[in-house]
Amino acid sequence: MRQLLSIIFCIIISFTSCITTRHVAGYEPYVRPLKSAEYEIIGESESFTSNFNLLWFINVTPLANFDRAISDAINQKNGDEMIDITWWIERQYWIIGTINIIHIKGKIIKYK
């Protein structure tokens, strides 16, 4: 019984112990060249992508991808492009591995 409680305690601790850091922040006026100077801003959008590395080395999920985060943010508002983009990378260090997260926030535009 004592061993079982020790194992349960270790599992709980391993999933609840986390250190979070933010790295690399940036601003981009646009990601791709704009197709036209005539557009309307339809709103702000935010998205993120992430990946998990087991034991800090073994990729368990696909790598976090900047382009995928941009596409998700644009698709949320059914827009054509994203401008005034701010982004940052967050890393969460867990006992069993790390999580890398790319956050994207910007204005979604629709061409006229």
PDB file of N, CA and C in Angstrom:
ATOM      1  N   MET A   1       0.827  -1.195   0.000  1.00  0.00           N
ATOM      2  CA  MET A   1       0.000   0.000   0.000  1.00  0.00           C
ATOM      3  C   MET A   1       0.870   1.258   0.000  1.00  0.00           C
ATOM      4  N   ARG A   2       1.936   1.209   0.780  1.00  0.00           N
ATOM      5  CA  ARG A   2       2.826   2.365   0.868  1.00  0.00           C
ATOM      6  C   ARG A   2       3.514   2.637  -0.482  1.00  0.00           C
ATOM      7  N   GLN A   3       3.874   1.575  -1.201  1.00  0.00           N
ATOM      8  CA  GLN A   3       4.491   1.739  -2.517  1.00  0.00           C
ATOM      9  C   GLN A   3       3.509   2.349  -3.513  1.00  0.00           C
ATOM     10  N   LEU A   4       2.283   1.909  -3.459  1.00  0.00           N
ATOM     11  CA  LEU A   4       1.255   2.442  -4.350  1.00  0.00           C
ATOM     12  C   LEU A   4       1.053   3.935  -4.112  1.00  0.00           C
ATOM     13  N   LEU A   5       0.992   4.339  -2.851  1.00  0.00           N
ATOM     14  CA  LEU A   5       0.831   5.756  -2.533  1.00  0.00           C
ATOM     15  C   LEU A   5       2.050   6.562  -3.004  1.00  0.00           C
ATOM     16  N   SER A   6       3.235   5.988  -2.873  1.00  0.00           N
ATOM     17  CA  SER A   6       4.448   6.668  -3.338  1.00  0.00           C
ATOM     18  C   SER A   6       4.423   6.850  -4.847  1.00  0.00           C
ATOM     19  N   ILE A   7       3.990   5.846  -5.563  1.00  0.00           N
ATOM     20  CA  ILE A   7       3.910   5.932  -7.027  1.00  0.00           C
ATOM     21  C   ILE A   7       2.879   6.974  -7.445  1.00  0.00           C
ATOM     22  N   ILE A   8       1.728   6.962  -6.815  1.00  0.00           N
ATOM     23  CA  ILE A   8       0.679   7.948  -7.126  1.00  0.00           C
ATOM     24  C   ILE A   8       1.177   9.358  -6.833  1.00  0.00           C
ATOM     25  N   PHE A   9       1.868   9.535  -5.721  1.00  0.00           N
ATOM     26  CA  PHE A   9       2.418  10.843  -5.358  1.00  0.00           C
ATOM     27  C   PHE A   9       3.421  11.317  -6.407  1.00  0.00           C
ATOM     28  N   CYS A  10       4.305  10.434  -6.854  1.00  0.00           N
ATOM     29  CA  CYS A  10       5.306  10.789  -7.877  1.00  0.00           C
ATOM     30  C   CYS A  10       4.641  11.172  -9.193  1.00  0.00           C
ATOM     31  N   ILE A  11       3.610  10.453  -9.569  1.00  0.00           N
ATOM     32  CA  ILE A  11       2.899  10.767 -10.808  1.00  0.00           C
ATOM     33  C   ILE A  11       2.230  12.133 -10.710  1.00  0.00           C
ATOM     34  N   ILE A  12       1.585  12.402  -9.604  1.00  0.00           N
ATOM     35  CA  ILE A  12       0.917  13.701  -9.422  1.00  0.00           C
ATOM     36  C   ILE A  12       1.938  14.827  -9.450  1.00  0.00           C
ATOM     37  N   ILE A  13       3.047  14.664  -8.775  1.00  0.00           N
ATOM     38  CA  ILE A  13       4.084  15.691  -8.748  1.00  0.00           C
ATOM     39  C   ILE A  13       4.659  15.909 -10.145  1.00  0.00           C
ATOM     40  N   SER A  14       4.854  14.840 -10.888  1.00  0.00           N
ATOM     41  CA  SER A  14       5.445  14.983 -12.223  1.00  0.00           C
ATOM     42  C   SER A  14       4.529  15.723 -13.185  1.00  0.00           C
ATOM     43  N   PHE A  15       3.232  15.670 -12.991  1.00  0.00           N
ATOM     44  CA  PHE A  15       2.308  16.367 -13.879  1.00  0.00           C
ATOM     45  C   PHE A  15       1.956  17.763 -13.392  1.00  0.00           C
ATOM     46  N   THR A  16       2.287  18.097 -12.168  1.00  0.00           N
ATOM     47  CA  THR A  16       1.930  19.416 -11.657  1.00  0.00           C
ATOM     48  C   THR A  16       3.114  20.347 -11.516  1.00  0.00           C
ATOM     49  N   SER A  17       4.321  19.873 -11.631  1.00  0.00           N
ATOM     50  CA  SER A  17       5.503  20.724 -11.495  1.00  0.00           C
ATOM     51  C   SER A  17       5.856  21.314 -12.850  1.00  0.00           C
ATOM     52  N   CYS A  18       5.818  22.635 -12.945  1.00  0.00           N
ATOM     53  CA  CYS A  18       6.058  23.275 -14.231  1.00  0.00           C
ATOM     54  C   CYS A  18       6.748  24.619 -14.019  1.00  0.00           C
ATOM     55  N   ILE A  19       7.721  24.909 -14.867  1.00  0.00           N
ATOM     56  CA  ILE A  19       8.344  26.221 -14.933  1.00  0.00           C
ATOM     57  C   ILE A  19       8.051  26.752 -16.325  1.00  0.00           C
ATOM     58  N   THR A  20       7.524  27.965 -16.408  1.00  0.00           N
ATOM     59  CA  THR A  20       7.175  28.549 -17.703  1.00  0.00           C
ATOM     60  C   THR A  20       8.066  29.751 -17.969  1.00  0.00           C
ATOM     61  N   THR A  21       8.608  29.812 -19.173  1.00  0.00           N
ATOM     62  CA  THR A  21       9.414  30.967 -19.578  1.00  0.00           C
ATOM     63  C   THR A  21       8.922  31.468 -20.920  1.00  0.00           C
ATOM     64  N   ARG A  22       9.081  32.759 -21.144  1.00  0.00           N
ATOM     65  CA  ARG A  22       8.762  33.363 -22.430  1.00  0.00           C
ATOM     66  C   ARG A  22      10.060  33.770 -23.092  1.00  0.00           C
ATOM     67  N   HIS A  23      10.185  33.459 -24.354  1.00  0.00           N
ATOM     68  CA  HIS A  23      11.370  33.790 -25.126  1.00  0.00           C
ATOM     69  C   HIS A  23      10.961  34.508 -26.398  1.00  0.00           C
ATOM     70  N   VAL A  24      11.869  35.191 -26.978  1.00  0.00           N
ATOM     71  CA  VAL A  24      11.749  35.773 -28.303  1.00  0.00           C
ATOM     72  C   VAL A  24      10.372  36.369 -28.568  1.00  0.00           C
ATOM     73  N   ALA A  25      10.283  37.631 -28.484  1.00  0.00           N
ATOM     74  CA  ALA A  25       9.051  38.322 -28.838  1.00  0.00           C
ATOM     75  C   ALA A  25       9.340  39.173 -30.054  1.00  0.00           C
ATOM     76  N   GLY A  26       8.353  39.329 -30.914  1.00  0.00           N
ATOM     77  CA  GLY A  26       8.589  40.106 -32.117  1.00  0.00           C
ATOM     78  C   GLY A  26       7.339  40.777 -32.639  1.00  0.00           C
ATOM     79  N   TYR A  27       7.548  41.675 -33.599  1.00  0.00           N
ATOM     80  CA  TYR A  27       6.462  42.362 -34.273  1.00  0.00           C
ATOM     81  C   TYR A  27       6.764  42.346 -35.768  1.00  0.00           C
ATOM     82  N   GLU A  28       5.775  42.034 -36.568  1.00  0.00           N
ATOM     83  CA  GLU A  28       5.896  42.054 -38.025  1.00  0.00           C
ATOM     84  C   GLU A  28       4.716  42.835 -38.589  1.00  0.00           C
ATOM     85  N   PRO A  29       4.948  43.784 -39.503  1.00  0.00           N
ATOM     86  CA  PRO A  29       3.819  44.505 -40.090  1.00  0.00           C
ATOM     87  C   PRO A  29       2.944  43.595 -40.945  1.00  0.00           C
ATOM     88  N   TYR A  30       3.540  42.607 -41.603  1.00  0.00           N
ATOM     89  CA  TYR A  30       2.807  41.595 -42.367  1.00  0.00           C
ATOM     90  C   TYR A  30       3.738  40.414 -42.585  1.00  0.00           C
ATOM     91  N   VAL A  31       3.159  39.264 -42.894  1.00  0.00           N
ATOM     92  CA  VAL A  31       3.966  38.061 -43.090  1.00  0.00           C
ATOM     93  C   VAL A  31       4.340  37.902 -44.552  1.00  0.00           C
ATOM     94  N   ARG A  32       3.365  38.060 -45.420  1.00  0.00           N
ATOM     95  CA  ARG A  32       3.588  37.958 -46.863  1.00  0.00           C
ATOM     96  C   ARG A  32       3.283  39.322 -47.486  1.00  0.00           C
ATOM     97  N   PRO A  33       3.878  39.621 -48.621  1.00  0.00           N
ATOM     98  CA  PRO A  33       3.550  40.900 -49.283  1.00  0.00           C
ATOM     99  C   PRO A  33       2.048  40.999 -49.560  1.00  0.00           C
ATOM    100  N   LEU A  34       1.480  42.157 -49.294  1.00  0.00           N
ATOM    101  CA  LEU A  34       0.046  42.348 -49.514  1.00  0.00           C
ATOM    102  C   LEU A  34      -0.263  42.383 -51.000  1.00  0.00           C
ATOM    103  N   LYS A  35      -1.355  41.756 -51.398  1.00  0.00           N
ATOM    104  CA  LYS A  35      -1.750  41.677 -52.811  1.00  0.00           C
ATOM    105  C   LYS A  35      -2.350  42.979 -53.308  1.00  0.00           C
ATOM    106  N   SER A  36      -2.921  43.747 -52.397  1.00  0.00           N
ATOM    107  CA  SER A  36      -3.578  44.997 -52.768  1.00  0.00           C
ATOM    108  C   SER A  36      -3.521  45.951 -51.576  1.00  0.00           C
ATOM    109  N   ALA A  37      -3.499  47.242 -51.896  1.00  0.00           N
ATOM    110  CA  ALA A  37      -3.510  48.242 -50.828  1.00  0.00           C
ATOM    111  C   ALA A  37      -4.933  48.506 -50.334  1.00  0.00           C
ATOM    112  N   GLU A  38      -5.920  47.960 -51.035  1.00  0.00           N
ATOM    113  CA  GLU A  38      -7.315  48.157 -50.649  1.00  0.00           C
ATOM    114  C   GLU A  38      -7.807  46.936 -49.886  1.00  0.00           C
ATOM    115  N   TYR A  39      -8.013  47.137 -48.605  1.00  0.00           N
ATOM    116  CA  TYR A  39      -8.516  46.051 -47.758  1.00  0.00           C
ATOM    117  C   TYR A  39      -9.254  46.653 -46.574  1.00  0.00           C
ATOM    118  N   GLU A  40     -10.006  45.817 -45.921  1.00  0.00           N
ATOM    119  CA  GLU A  40     -10.674  46.247 -44.689  1.00  0.00           C
ATOM    120  C   GLU A  40     -10.251  45.316 -43.559  1.00  0.00           C
ATOM    121  N   ILE A  41     -10.115  45.882 -42.379  1.00  0.00           N
ATOM    122  CA  ILE A  41      -9.765  45.093 -41.193  1.00  0.00           C
ATOM    123  C   ILE A  41     -11.060  44.509 -40.641  1.00  0.00           C
ATOM    124  N   ILE A  42     -11.114  43.194 -40.538  1.00  0.00           N
ATOM    125  CA  ILE A  42     -12.354  42.552 -40.069  1.00  0.00           C
ATOM    126  C   ILE A  42     -12.276  42.122 -38.605  1.00  0.00           C
ATOM    127  N   GLY A  43     -11.133  42.325 -37.969  1.00  0.00           N
ATOM    128  CA  GLY A  43     -11.037  42.024 -36.548  1.00  0.00           C
ATOM    129  C   GLY A  43      -9.670  41.505 -36.155  1.00  0.00           C
ATOM    130  N   GLU A  44      -9.513  41.298 -34.862  1.00  0.00           N
ATOM    131  CA  GLU A  44      -8.271  40.737 -34.338  1.00  0.00           C
ATOM    132  C   GLU A  44      -8.451  39.243 -34.110  1.00  0.00           C
ATOM    133  N   SER A  45      -7.354  38.543 -34.220  1.00  0.00           N
ATOM    134  CA  SER A  45      -7.387  37.105 -34.019  1.00  0.00           C
ATOM    135  C   SER A  45      -6.111  36.677 -33.308  1.00  0.00           C
ATOM    136  N   GLU A  46      -6.217  35.557 -32.610  1.00  0.00           N
ATOM    137  CA  GLU A  46      -5.089  35.030 -31.868  1.00  0.00           C
ATOM    138  C   GLU A  46      -5.070  33.515 -32.036  1.00  0.00           C
ATOM    139  N   SER A  47      -3.891  32.958 -32.158  1.00  0.00           N
ATOM    140  CA  SER A  47      -3.763  31.521 -32.324  1.00  0.00           C
ATOM    141  C   SER A  47      -2.425  31.066 -31.752  1.00  0.00           C
ATOM    142  N   PHE A  48      -2.269  29.759 -31.640  1.00  0.00           N
ATOM    143  CA  PHE A  48      -0.994  29.216 -31.198  1.00  0.00           C
ATOM    144  C   PHE A  48      -0.838  27.798 -31.728  1.00  0.00           C
ATOM    145  N   THR A  49       0.391  27.356 -31.806  1.00  0.00           N
ATOM    146  CA  THR A  49       0.690  25.953 -32.082  1.00  0.00           C
ATOM    147  C   THR A  49       1.709  25.508 -31.036  1.00  0.00           C
ATOM    148  N   SER A  50       1.728  24.216 -30.783  1.00  0.00           N
ATOM    149  CA  SER A  50       2.636  23.725 -29.751  1.00  0.00           C
ATOM    150  C   SER A  50       3.129  22.329 -30.090  1.00  0.00           C
ATOM    151  N   ASN A  51       4.166  21.939 -29.403  1.00  0.00           N
ATOM    152  CA  ASN A  51       4.632  20.556 -29.502  1.00  0.00           C
ATOM    153  C   ASN A  51       5.161  20.104 -28.142  1.00  0.00           C
ATOM    154  N   PHE A  52       5.190  18.792 -27.947  1.00  0.00           N
ATOM    155  CA  PHE A  52       5.636  18.195 -26.692  1.00  0.00           C
ATOM    156  C   PHE A  52       6.864  17.331 -26.953  1.00  0.00           C
ATOM    157  N   ASN A  53       7.886  17.521 -26.149  1.00  0.00           N
ATOM    158  CA  ASN A  53       9.101  16.706 -26.210  1.00  0.00           C
ATOM    159  C   ASN A  53       9.191  15.869 -24.942  1.00  0.00           C
ATOM    160  N   LEU A  54       9.076  14.578 -25.091  1.00  0.00           N
ATOM    161  CA  LEU A  54       9.191  13.656 -23.963  1.00  0.00           C
ATOM    162  C   LEU A  54      10.653  13.569 -23.549  1.00  0.00           C
ATOM    163  N   LEU A  55      10.893  13.684 -22.268  1.00  0.00           N
ATOM    164  CA  LEU A  55      12.252  13.649 -21.718  1.00  0.00           C
ATOM    165  C   LEU A  55      13.149  14.691 -22.391  1.00  0.00           C
ATOM    166  N   TRP A  56      12.597  15.795 -22.839  1.00  0.00           N
ATOM    167  CA  TRP A  56      13.257  16.962 -23.400  1.00  0.00           C
ATOM    168  C   TRP A  56      13.926  16.720 -24.747  1.00  0.00           C
ATOM    169  N   PHE A  57      13.891  15.498 -25.305  1.00  0.00           N
ATOM    170  CA  PHE A  57      14.576  15.201 -26.555  1.00  0.00           C
ATOM    171  C   PHE A  57      13.690  14.543 -27.609  1.00  0.00           C
ATOM    172  N   ILE A  58      12.722  13.757 -27.192  1.00  0.00           N
ATOM    173  CA  ILE A  58      11.938  12.939 -28.119  1.00  0.00           C
ATOM    174  C   ILE A  58      10.660  13.690 -28.506  1.00  0.00           C
ATOM    175  N   ASN A  59      10.558  14.086 -29.797  1.00  0.00           N
ATOM    176  CA  ASN A  59       9.352  14.770 -30.271  1.00  0.00           C
ATOM    177  C   ASN A  59       8.192  13.785 -30.293  1.00  0.00           C
ATOM    178  N   VAL A  60       7.159  14.087 -29.528  1.00  0.00           N
ATOM    179  CA  VAL A  60       5.972  13.239 -29.477  1.00  0.00           C
ATOM    180  C   VAL A  60       4.916  13.768 -30.446  1.00  0.00           C
ATOM    181  N   THR A  61       4.838  15.076 -30.591  1.00  0.00           N
ATOM    182  CA  THR A  61       3.874  15.708 -31.483  1.00  0.00           C
ATOM    183  C   THR A  61       4.629  16.500 -32.551  1.00  0.00           C
ATOM    184  N   PRO A  62       3.962  16.860 -33.656  1.00  0.00           N
ATOM    185  CA  PRO A  62       4.640  17.666 -34.686  1.00  0.00           C
ATOM    186  C   PRO A  62       5.165  18.977 -34.097  1.00  0.00           C
ATOM    187  N   LEU A  63       6.244  19.478 -34.649  1.00  0.00           N
ATOM    188  CA  LEU A  63       6.850  20.713 -34.161  1.00  0.00           C
ATOM    189  C   LEU A  63       5.898  21.892 -34.276  1.00  0.00           C
ATOM    190  N   ALA A  64       6.007  22.834 -33.350  1.00  0.00           N
ATOM    191  CA  ALA A  64       5.225  24.066 -33.410  1.00  0.00           C
ATOM    192  C   ALA A  64       5.614  24.797 -34.685  1.00  0.00           C
ATOM    193  N   ASN A  65       4.613  25.352 -35.381  1.00  0.00           N
ATOM    194  CA  ASN A  65       4.849  25.909 -36.700  1.00  0.00           C
ATOM    195  C   ASN A  65       4.241  27.305 -36.800  1.00  0.00           C
ATOM    196  N   PHE A  66       5.072  28.289 -37.106  1.00  0.00           N
ATOM    197  CA  PHE A  66       4.648  29.678 -37.228  1.00  0.00           C
ATOM    198  C   PHE A  66       3.568  29.837 -38.301  1.00  0.00           C
ATOM    199  N   ASP A  67       3.782  29.224 -39.480  1.00  0.00           N
ATOM    200  CA  ASP A  67       2.819  29.345 -40.582  1.00  0.00           C
ATOM    201  C   ASP A  67       1.462  28.732 -40.239  1.00  0.00           C
ATOM    202  N   ARG A  68       1.464  27.611 -39.522  1.00  0.00           N
ATOM    203  CA  ARG A  68       0.210  26.980 -39.125  1.00  0.00           C
ATOM    204  C   ARG A  68      -0.571  27.878 -38.164  1.00  0.00           C
ATOM    205  N   ALA A  69       0.134  28.541 -37.250  1.00  0.00           N
ATOM    206  CA  ALA A  69      -0.530  29.463 -36.323  1.00  0.00           C
ATOM    207  C   ALA A  69      -1.136  30.643 -37.075  1.00  0.00           C
ATOM    208  N   ILE A  70      -0.407  31.180 -38.055  1.00  0.00           N
ATOM    209  CA  ILE A  70      -0.922  32.291 -38.872  1.00  0.00           C
ATOM    210  C   ILE A  70      -2.171  31.848 -39.631  1.00  0.00           C
ATOM    211  N   SER A  71      -2.107  30.700 -40.285  1.00  0.00           N
ATOM    212  CA  SER A  71      -3.254  30.193 -41.057  1.00  0.00           C
ATOM    213  C   SER A  71      -4.469  29.966 -40.163  1.00  0.00           C
ATOM    214  N   ASP A  72      -4.271  29.409 -38.988  1.00  0.00           N
ATOM    215  CA  ASP A  72      -5.383  29.198 -38.057  1.00  0.00           C
ATOM    216  C   ASP A  72      -6.025  30.519 -37.654  1.00  0.00           C
ATOM    217  N   ALA A  73      -5.196  31.524 -37.371  1.00  0.00           N
ATOM    218  CA  ALA A  73      -5.722  32.830 -36.969  1.00  0.00           C
ATOM    219  C   ALA A  73      -6.530  33.461 -38.099  1.00  0.00           C
ATOM    220  N   ILE A  74      -6.033  33.366 -39.329  1.00  0.00           N
ATOM    221  CA  ILE A  74      -6.750  33.926 -40.485  1.00  0.00           C
ATOM    222  C   ILE A  74      -8.067  33.186 -40.714  1.00  0.00           C
ATOM    223  N   ASN A  75      -8.037  31.868 -40.616  1.00  0.00           N
ATOM    224  CA  ASN A  75      -9.252  31.069 -40.844  1.00  0.00           C
ATOM    225  C   ASN A  75     -10.322  31.294 -39.785  1.00  0.00           C
ATOM    226  N   GLN A  76      -9.935  31.665 -38.568  1.00  0.00           N
ATOM    227  CA  GLN A  76     -10.920  31.938 -37.513  1.00  0.00           C
ATOM    228  C   GLN A  76     -11.867  33.065 -37.908  1.00  0.00           C
ATOM    229  N   LYS A  77     -11.356  34.044 -38.658  1.00  0.00           N
ATOM    230  CA  LYS A  77     -12.166  35.201 -39.064  1.00  0.00           C
ATOM    231  C   LYS A  77     -12.541  35.158 -40.545  1.00  0.00           C
ATOM    232  N   ASN A  78     -12.217  34.069 -41.241  1.00  0.00           N
ATOM    233  CA  ASN A  78     -12.480  33.948 -42.681  1.00  0.00           C
ATOM    234  C   ASN A  78     -11.887  35.123 -43.453  1.00  0.00           C
ATOM    235  N   GLY A  79     -10.640  35.472 -43.122  1.00  0.00           N
ATOM    236  CA  GLY A  79      -9.967  36.579 -43.780  1.00  0.00           C
ATOM    237  C   GLY A  79      -9.039  36.116 -44.883  1.00  0.00           C
ATOM    238  N   ASP A  80      -8.319  37.097 -45.453  1.00  0.00           N
ATOM    239  CA  ASP A  80      -7.383  36.811 -46.534  1.00  0.00           C
ATOM    240  C   ASP A  80      -5.923  36.877 -46.079  1.00  0.00           C
ATOM    241  N   GLU A  81      -5.635  37.725 -45.096  1.00  0.00           N
ATOM    242  CA  GLU A  81      -4.260  37.927 -44.667  1.00  0.00           C
ATOM    243  C   GLU A  81      -4.234  38.484 -43.245  1.00  0.00           C
ATOM    244  N   MET A  82      -3.043  38.525 -42.668  1.00  0.00           N
ATOM    245  CA  MET A  82      -2.873  39.025 -41.305  1.00  0.00           C
ATOM    246  C   MET A  82      -1.813  40.124 -41.306  1.00  0.00           C
ATOM    247  N   ILE A  83      -2.105  41.230 -40.598  1.00  0.00           N
ATOM    248  CA  ILE A  83      -1.152  42.335 -40.485  1.00  0.00           C
ATOM    249  C   ILE A  83      -0.966  42.690 -39.008  1.00  0.00           C
ATOM    250  N   ASP A  84       0.009  43.533 -38.736  1.00  0.00           N
ATOM    251  CA  ASP A  84       0.309  43.991 -37.373  1.00  0.00           C
ATOM    252  C   ASP A  84       0.416  42.809 -36.399  1.00  0.00           C
ATOM    253  N   ILE A  85       1.313  41.916 -36.711  1.00  0.00           N
ATOM    254  CA  ILE A  85       1.426  40.652 -35.983  1.00  0.00           C
ATOM    255  C   ILE A  85       2.421  40.774 -34.830  1.00  0.00           C
ATOM    256  N   THR A  86       1.994  40.382 -33.666  1.00  0.00           N
ATOM    257  CA  THR A  86       2.917  40.217 -32.542  1.00  0.00           C
ATOM    258  C   THR A  86       2.984  38.731 -32.235  1.00  0.00           C
ATOM    259  N   TRP A  87       4.153  38.274 -31.845  1.00  0.00           N
ATOM    260  CA  TRP A  87       4.329  36.853 -31.567  1.00  0.00           C
ATOM    261  C   TRP A  87       5.356  36.671 -30.461  1.00  0.00           C
ATOM    262  N   TRP A  88       5.260  35.530 -29.789  1.00  0.00           N
ATOM    263  CA  TRP A  88       6.219  35.168 -28.763  1.00  0.00           C
ATOM    264  C   TRP A  88       6.231  33.657 -28.602  1.00  0.00           C
ATOM    265  N   ILE A  89       7.322  33.170 -28.057  1.00  0.00           N
ATOM    266  CA  ILE A  89       7.482  31.739 -27.833  1.00  0.00           C
ATOM    267  C   ILE A  89       7.492  31.483 -26.330  1.00  0.00           C
ATOM    268  N   GLU A  90       6.706  30.525 -25.925  1.00  0.00           N
ATOM    269  CA  GLU A  90       6.622  30.141 -24.511  1.00  0.00           C
ATOM    270  C   GLU A  90       7.139  28.710 -24.372  1.00  0.00           C
ATOM    271  N   ARG A  91       7.910  28.468 -23.338  1.00  0.00           N
ATOM    272  CA  ARG A  91       8.386  27.119 -23.051  1.00  0.00           C
ATOM    273  C   ARG A  91       7.961  26.736 -21.647  1.00  0.00           C
ATOM    274  N   GLN A  92       7.386  25.553 -21.546  1.00  0.00           N
ATOM    275  CA  GLN A  92       6.995  25.008 -20.241  1.00  0.00           C
ATOM    276  C   GLN A  92       7.879  23.795 -19.968  1.00  0.00           C
ATOM    277  N   TYR A  93       8.585  23.849 -18.858  1.00  0.00           N
ATOM    278  CA  TYR A  93       9.480  22.763 -18.478  1.00  0.00           C
ATOM    279  C   TYR A  93       8.795  21.911 -17.418  1.00  0.00           C
ATOM    280  N   TRP A  94       8.489  20.683 -17.768  1.00  0.00           N
ATOM    281  CA  TRP A  94       7.864  19.739 -16.866  1.00  0.00           C
ATOM    282  C   TRP A  94       8.894  18.666 -16.504  1.00  0.00           C
ATOM    283  N   ILE A  95       8.617  17.919 -15.492  1.00  0.00           N
ATOM    284  CA  ILE A  95       9.522  16.853 -15.090  1.00  0.00           C
ATOM    285  C   ILE A  95       9.652  15.801 -16.191  1.00  0.00           C
ATOM    286  N   ILE A  96       8.576  15.560 -16.923  1.00  0.00           N
ATOM    287  CA  ILE A  96       8.598  14.510 -17.951  1.00  0.00           C
ATOM    288  C   ILE A  96       8.970  15.025 -19.337  1.00  0.00           C
ATOM    289  N   GLY A  97       9.155  16.334 -19.506  1.00  0.00           N
ATOM    290  CA  GLY A  97       9.510  16.872 -20.809  1.00  0.00           C
ATOM    291  C   GLY A  97       9.217  18.356 -20.922  1.00  0.00           C
ATOM    292  N   THR A  98       9.226  18.863 -22.146  1.00  0.00           N
ATOM    293  CA  THR A  98       8.963  20.278 -22.392  1.00  0.00           C
ATOM    294  C   THR A  98       7.836  20.459 -23.407  1.00  0.00           C
ATOM    295  N   ILE A  99       7.171  21.594 -23.282  1.00  0.00           N
ATOM    296  CA  ILE A  99       6.153  22.000 -24.249  1.00  0.00           C
ATOM    297  C   ILE A  99       6.599  23.339 -24.821  1.00  0.00           C
ATOM    298  N   ASN A 100       6.682  23.433 -26.142  1.00  0.00           N
ATOM    299  CA  ASN A 100       7.034  24.672 -26.835  1.00  0.00           C
ATOM    300  C   ASN A 100       5.771  25.216 -27.496  1.00  0.00           C
ATOM    301  N   ILE A 101       5.477  26.491 -27.250  1.00  0.00           N
ATOM    302  CA  ILE A 101       4.254  27.102 -27.768  1.00  0.00           C
ATOM    303  C   ILE A 101       4.605  28.389 -28.511  1.00  0.00           C
ATOM    304  N   ILE A 102       4.129  28.517 -29.749  1.00  0.00           N
ATOM    305  CA  ILE A 102       4.268  29.757 -30.516  1.00  0.00           C
ATOM    306  C   ILE A 102       2.915  30.459 -30.486  1.00  0.00           C
ATOM    307  N   HIS A 103       2.878  31.672 -29.927  1.00  0.00           N
ATOM    308  CA  HIS A 103       1.657  32.478 -29.855  1.00  0.00           C
ATOM    309  C   HIS A 103       1.702  33.547 -30.953  1.00  0.00           C
ATOM    310  N   ILE A 104       0.565  33.752 -31.616  1.00  0.00           N
ATOM    311  CA  ILE A 104       0.426  34.740 -32.694  1.00  0.00           C
ATOM    312  C   ILE A 104      -0.798  35.597 -32.393  1.00  0.00           C
ATOM    313  N   LYS A 105      -0.673  36.921 -32.579  1.00  0.00           N
ATOM    314  CA  LYS A 105      -1.820  37.812 -32.414  1.00  0.00           C
ATOM    315  C   LYS A 105      -1.697  38.928 -33.437  1.00  0.00           C
ATOM    316  N   GLY A 106      -2.801  39.247 -34.116  1.00  0.00           N
ATOM    317  CA  GLY A 106      -2.755  40.302 -35.116  1.00  0.00           C
ATOM    318  C   GLY A 106      -4.114  40.657 -35.663  1.00  0.00           C
ATOM    319  N   LYS A 107      -4.124  41.553 -36.641  1.00  0.00           N
ATOM    320  CA  LYS A 107      -5.352  42.010 -37.285  1.00  0.00           C
ATOM    321  C   LYS A 107      -5.561  41.230 -38.570  1.00  0.00           C
ATOM    322  N   ILE A 108      -6.799  40.797 -38.778  1.00  0.00           N
ATOM    323  CA  ILE A 108      -7.148  40.035 -39.978  1.00  0.00           C
ATOM    324  C   ILE A 108      -7.776  40.999 -40.985  1.00  0.00           C
ATOM    325  N   ILE A 109      -7.335  40.871 -42.250  1.00  0.00           N
ATOM    326  CA  ILE A 109      -7.863  41.744 -43.295  1.00  0.00           C
ATOM    327  C   ILE A 109      -8.546  40.927 -44.380  1.00  0.00           C
ATOM    328  N   LYS A 110      -9.424  41.596 -45.104  1.00  0.00           N
ATOM    329  CA  LYS A 110     -10.102  40.998 -46.267  1.00  0.00           C
ATOM    330  C   LYS A 110      -9.922  42.002 -47.411  1.00  0.00           C
ATOM    331  N   TYR A 111      -9.447  41.509 -48.545  1.00  0.00           N
ATOM    332  CA  TYR A 111      -9.246  42.382 -49.706  1.00  0.00           C
ATOM    333  C   TYR A 111     -10.589  42.787 -50.300  1.00  0.00           C
ATOM    334  N   LYS A 112     -10.660  44.011 -50.798  1.00  0.00           N
ATOM    335  CA  LYS A 112     -11.884  44.508 -51.418  1.00  0.00           C
ATOM    336  C   LYS A 112     -11.950  44.109 -52.865  1.00  0.00           C
TER     337      LYS A 112
END
